[in-house]
Amino acid sequence: MSVNLRPGESQDSLFKRFRKEIVKSRVLSIYRKKRWFVSDSEQRRLAKQRAIRKARRKLVRRQPHT
């Protein structure tokens, strides 16, 4: 990951742009996921839990507020 210093750009704004690029490329999230070994069955179980939670949230949002 690299960013080039623009003419007249401060170090703070350069660092801010660098951090945005890191977030956009998802480098940190991938690193955090790979920090520990998670078996395939555990990954499937977690994915299923996430899908259930997401579906529940969508259901709650669709209900009319009375």
Protein backbone atom coordinates (compact mmCIF):
# COMPACT_ATOMS: atom_id res chain seq x y z
CA MET A 1 0.00 0.00 0.00
CA SER A 2 1.45 3.37 -0.90
CA VAL A 3 0.36 6.95 -1.40
CA ASN A 4 2.43 9.73 -2.93
CA LEU A 5 2.87 13.09 -1.29
CA ARG A 6 1.05 15.74 -3.30
CA PRO A 7 2.64 19.18 -3.75
CA GLY A 8 1.86 21.34 -0.72
CA GLU A 9 0.16 18.47 1.16
CA SER A 10 0.72 18.23 4.90
CA GLN A 11 1.87 15.06 6.64
CA ASP A 12 -1.48 14.84 8.45
CA SER A 13 -3.55 14.81 5.27
CA LEU A 14 -1.13 12.33 3.69
CA PHE A 15 -1.56 10.01 6.68
CA LYS A 16 -5.34 10.46 6.53
CA ARG A 17 -5.35 9.50 2.83
CA PHE A 18 -3.16 6.48 3.59
CA ARG A 19 -5.54 5.28 6.31
CA LYS A 20 -8.50 5.65 3.93
CA GLU A 21 -6.70 3.55 1.32
CA ILE A 22 -5.98 0.87 3.93
CA VAL A 23 -9.65 0.73 4.90
CA LYS A 24 -10.76 0.69 1.27
CA SER A 25 -8.45 -2.19 0.39
CA ARG A 26 -9.64 -4.15 3.48
CA VAL A 27 -6.06 -5.06 4.42
CA LEU A 28 -6.66 -4.80 8.17
CA SER A 29 -9.92 -6.75 8.18
CA ILE A 30 -8.31 -9.59 6.22
CA TYR A 31 -5.33 -9.56 8.59
CA ARG A 32 -7.60 -9.70 11.64
CA LYS A 33 -9.59 -12.60 10.19
CA LYS A 34 -6.44 -14.60 9.45
CA ARG A 35 -4.87 -13.96 12.84
CA TRP A 36 -6.45 -17.14 14.27
CA PHE A 37 -7.19 -20.44 12.60
CA VAL A 38 -10.91 -21.12 12.22
CA SER A 39 -12.00 -24.51 10.93
CA ASP A 40 -14.31 -24.79 7.93
CA SER A 41 -17.20 -26.04 10.04
CA GLU A 42 -16.76 -23.11 12.43
CA GLN A 43 -16.73 -20.67 9.49
CA ARG A 44 -19.97 -22.16 8.16
CA ARG A 45 -21.58 -21.95 11.60
CA LEU A 46 -20.57 -18.31 12.00
CA ALA A 47 -21.77 -17.46 8.49
CA LYS A 48 -25.13 -19.06 9.25
CA GLN A 49 -25.42 -17.06 12.49
CA ARG A 50 -24.59 -13.84 10.61
CA ALA A 51 -27.22 -14.61 7.96
CA ILE A 52 -29.89 -15.26 10.61
CA ARG A 53 -29.03 -12.03 12.43
CA LYS A 54 -29.09 -10.06 9.17
CA ALA A 55 -32.46 -11.54 8.16
CA ARG A 56 -33.88 -10.69 11.58
CA ARG A 57 -32.72 -7.08 11.26
CA LYS A 58 -34.28 -6.77 7.80
CA LEU A 59 -37.55 -8.17 9.12
CA VAL A 60 -37.64 -5.65 11.96
CA ARG A 61 -36.91 -2.76 9.60
CA ARG A 62 -39.72 -3.73 7.20
CA GLN A 63 -42.43 -3.75 9.87
CA PRO A 64 -44.47 -0.50 9.93
CA HIS A 65 -44.02 1.68 12.98
CA THR A 66 -47.31 2.10 14.80
